[in-house]
Amino acid sequence: MTRGNQREMDRLKAQKKMQANAKKPKESAQSLQARKERDAAALREKQKKKEEEKAALGANGGKK
């Protein structure tokens, strides 16, 4: 083997990385759906605010 123990070291490093990722809790389908709904509501609020600001600028003749 020309690589020596590099292959073994890389394998151990990959194992440690996989174990670290396995410890993270998975997001359940219900919490994922709830998060998507919250995000969508926040975006709708933001869009509504922008439209109101745009309408206010239009009513004022485009001046701030």
N, C-alpha and C. Protein backbone atom coordinates (compact mmCIF):
# COMPACT_ATOMS: atom_id res chain seq x y z
N MET A 1 0.83 -1.18 0.00
CA MET A 1 0.00 0.00 0.00
C MET A 1 0.88 1.24 0.00
N THR A 2 0.57 2.13 -0.86
CA THR A 2 1.39 3.34 -0.93
C THR A 2 0.86 4.44 -0.03
N ARG A 3 -0.36 4.33 0.43
CA ARG A 3 -0.95 5.40 1.24
C ARG A 3 -0.66 5.24 2.72
N GLY A 4 -0.10 4.16 3.13
CA GLY A 4 0.18 3.96 4.55
C GLY A 4 -1.10 3.89 5.35
N ASN A 5 -1.16 4.62 6.46
CA ASN A 5 -2.36 4.55 7.29
C ASN A 5 -3.31 5.72 7.03
N GLN A 6 -3.10 6.45 5.94
CA GLN A 6 -3.96 7.59 5.63
C GLN A 6 -5.41 7.15 5.43
N ARG A 7 -5.59 6.03 4.75
CA ARG A 7 -6.94 5.52 4.49
C ARG A 7 -7.64 5.22 5.81
N GLU A 8 -6.91 4.58 6.73
CA GLU A 8 -7.48 4.24 8.04
C GLU A 8 -7.83 5.51 8.83
N MET A 9 -6.95 6.50 8.78
CA MET A 9 -7.19 7.75 9.50
C MET A 9 -8.41 8.48 8.92
N ASP A 10 -8.53 8.48 7.60
CA ASP A 10 -9.69 9.11 6.96
C ASP A 10 -10.98 8.39 7.33
N ARG A 11 -10.91 7.07 7.42
CA ARG A 11 -12.10 6.30 7.79
C ARG A 11 -12.52 6.63 9.22
N LEU A 12 -11.57 6.74 10.14
CA LEU A 12 -11.89 7.09 11.52
C LEU A 12 -12.45 8.51 11.62
N LYS A 13 -11.88 9.41 10.84
CA LYS A 13 -12.37 10.79 10.83
C LYS A 13 -13.83 10.85 10.33
N ALA A 14 -14.11 10.09 9.29
CA ALA A 14 -15.47 10.05 8.74
C ALA A 14 -16.44 9.44 9.75
N GLN A 15 -15.99 8.42 10.49
CA GLN A 15 -16.84 7.80 11.51
C GLN A 15 -17.19 8.82 12.60
N LYS A 16 -16.20 9.57 13.05
CA LYS A 16 -16.45 10.57 14.09
C LYS A 16 -17.44 11.62 13.60
N LYS A 17 -17.29 12.02 12.36
CA LYS A 17 -18.18 13.03 11.77
C LYS A 17 -19.62 12.50 11.72
N MET A 18 -19.77 11.25 11.32
CA MET A 18 -21.10 10.65 11.25
C MET A 18 -21.73 10.53 12.64
N GLN A 19 -20.94 10.19 13.64
CA GLN A 19 -21.45 10.08 15.00
C GLN A 19 -21.89 11.44 15.52
N ALA A 20 -21.15 12.49 15.19
CA ALA A 20 -21.51 13.84 15.63
C ALA A 20 -22.84 14.26 15.00
N ASN A 21 -23.04 13.91 13.74
CA ASN A 21 -24.29 14.25 13.06
C ASN A 21 -25.45 13.42 13.58
N ALA A 22 -25.19 12.21 14.01
CA ALA A 22 -26.25 11.33 14.49
C ALA A 22 -26.80 11.81 15.83
N LYS A 23 -26.02 12.57 16.58
CA LYS A 23 -26.47 13.04 17.89
C LYS A 23 -27.48 14.17 17.79
N LYS A 24 -27.50 14.85 16.66
CA LYS A 24 -28.44 15.96 16.49
C LYS A 24 -29.87 15.41 16.39
N PRO A 25 -30.80 16.04 17.09
CA PRO A 25 -32.19 15.56 17.02
C PRO A 25 -32.80 15.87 15.65
N LYS A 26 -33.56 14.94 15.17
CA LYS A 26 -34.25 15.12 13.90
C LYS A 26 -35.50 15.97 14.12
N GLU A 27 -35.85 16.75 13.13
CA GLU A 27 -37.05 17.57 13.23
C GLU A 27 -38.24 16.72 12.79
N SER A 28 -39.26 16.69 13.62
CA SER A 28 -40.43 15.88 13.29
C SER A 28 -41.24 16.55 12.19
N ALA A 29 -42.09 15.79 11.56
CA ALA A 29 -42.90 16.32 10.46
C ALA A 29 -43.83 17.42 10.95
N GLN A 30 -44.34 17.26 12.18
CA GLN A 30 -45.25 18.27 12.73
C GLN A 30 -44.51 19.58 12.99
N SER A 31 -43.33 19.50 13.58
CA SER A 31 -42.60 20.72 13.88
C SER A 31 -42.10 21.37 12.58
N LEU A 32 -41.77 20.55 11.59
CA LEU A 32 -41.35 21.09 10.29
C LEU A 32 -42.50 21.85 9.65
N GLN A 33 -43.69 21.27 9.68
CA GLN A 33 -44.87 21.92 9.11
C GLN A 33 -45.17 23.22 9.86
N ALA A 34 -45.08 23.19 11.18
CA ALA A 34 -45.35 24.38 11.98
C ALA A 34 -44.34 25.48 11.66
N ARG A 35 -43.08 25.10 11.49
CA ARG A 35 -42.05 26.09 11.17
C ARG A 35 -42.31 26.70 9.80
N LYS A 36 -42.70 25.87 8.84
CA LYS A 36 -43.01 26.37 7.50
C LYS A 36 -44.18 27.35 7.54
N GLU A 37 -45.20 27.03 8.35
CA GLU A 37 -46.35 27.93 8.47
C GLU A 37 -45.96 29.25 9.12
N ARG A 38 -45.12 29.20 10.16
CA ARG A 38 -44.65 30.44 10.81
C ARG A 38 -43.84 31.29 9.84
N ASP A 39 -42.97 30.64 9.09
CA ASP A 39 -42.15 31.37 8.13
C ASP A 39 -43.01 32.01 7.05
N ALA A 40 -44.00 31.28 6.57
CA ALA A 40 -44.89 31.80 5.54
C ALA A 40 -45.69 32.99 6.08
N ALA A 41 -46.16 32.90 7.32
CA ALA A 41 -46.91 34.00 7.92
C ALA A 41 -46.02 35.22 8.07
N ALA A 42 -44.79 35.02 8.47
CA ALA A 42 -43.85 36.14 8.63
C ALA A 42 -43.59 36.81 7.28
N LEU A 43 -43.45 36.01 6.23
CA LEU A 43 -43.22 36.58 4.90
C LEU A 43 -44.44 37.34 4.40
N ARG A 44 -45.63 36.80 4.67
CA ARG A 44 -46.85 37.52 4.27
C ARG A 44 -46.96 38.86 4.99
N GLU A 45 -46.62 38.88 6.29
CA GLU A 45 -46.64 40.12 7.07
C GLU A 45 -45.67 41.13 6.48
N LYS A 46 -44.49 40.66 6.17
CA LYS A 46 -43.45 41.53 5.62
C LYS A 46 -43.89 42.10 4.27
N GLN A 47 -44.49 41.24 3.44
CA GLN A 47 -44.96 41.67 2.13
C GLN A 47 -46.08 42.70 2.27
N LYS A 48 -46.98 42.48 3.21
CA LYS A 48 -48.08 43.40 3.44
C LYS A 48 -47.54 44.77 3.88
N LYS A 49 -46.56 44.77 4.76
CA LYS A 49 -45.97 46.01 5.24
C LYS A 49 -45.32 46.77 4.09
N LYS A 50 -44.61 46.06 3.22
CA LYS A 50 -43.97 46.70 2.06
C LYS A 50 -45.02 47.31 1.13
N GLU A 51 -46.12 46.59 0.91
CA GLU A 51 -47.18 47.10 0.04
C GLU A 51 -47.81 48.35 0.65
N GLU A 52 -47.99 48.36 1.97
CA GLU A 52 -48.55 49.54 2.63
C GLU A 52 -47.61 50.73 2.51
N GLU A 53 -46.30 50.48 2.67
CA GLU A 53 -45.33 51.56 2.51
C GLU A 53 -45.34 52.09 1.09
N LYS A 54 -45.44 51.19 0.12
CA LYS A 54 -45.47 51.58 -1.28
C LYS A 54 -46.72 52.41 -1.58
N ALA A 55 -47.86 51.99 -1.01
CA ALA A 55 -49.10 52.73 -1.20
C ALA A 55 -49.02 54.11 -0.55
N ALA A 56 -48.39 54.19 0.60
CA ALA A 56 -48.25 55.46 1.29
C ALA A 56 -47.35 56.39 0.48
N LEU A 57 -46.31 55.87 -0.11
CA LEU A 57 -45.44 56.70 -0.94
C LEU A 57 -46.18 57.19 -2.17
N GLY A 58 -47.02 56.33 -2.74
CA GLY A 58 -47.81 56.71 -3.91
C GLY A 58 -48.82 57.80 -3.56
N ALA A 59 -49.40 57.76 -2.38
CA ALA A 59 -50.38 58.77 -1.94
C ALA A 59 -49.71 60.11 -1.66
N ASN A 60 -48.45 60.08 -1.28
CA ASN A 60 -47.73 61.30 -0.96
C ASN A 60 -47.01 61.89 -2.18
N GLY A 61 -47.30 61.40 -3.33
CA GLY A 61 -46.64 61.91 -4.52
C GLY A 61 -45.24 61.38 -4.70
N GLY A 62 -44.89 60.33 -4.04
CA GLY A 62 -43.58 59.73 -4.19
C GLY A 62 -42.51 60.37 -3.35
N LYS A 63 -42.89 61.27 -2.44
CA LYS A 63 -41.90 61.94 -1.59
C LYS A 63 -41.95 61.36 -0.20
N LYS A 64 -40.77 61.30 0.43
CA LYS A 64 -40.70 60.78 1.79
C LYS A 64 -40.86 61.88 2.79
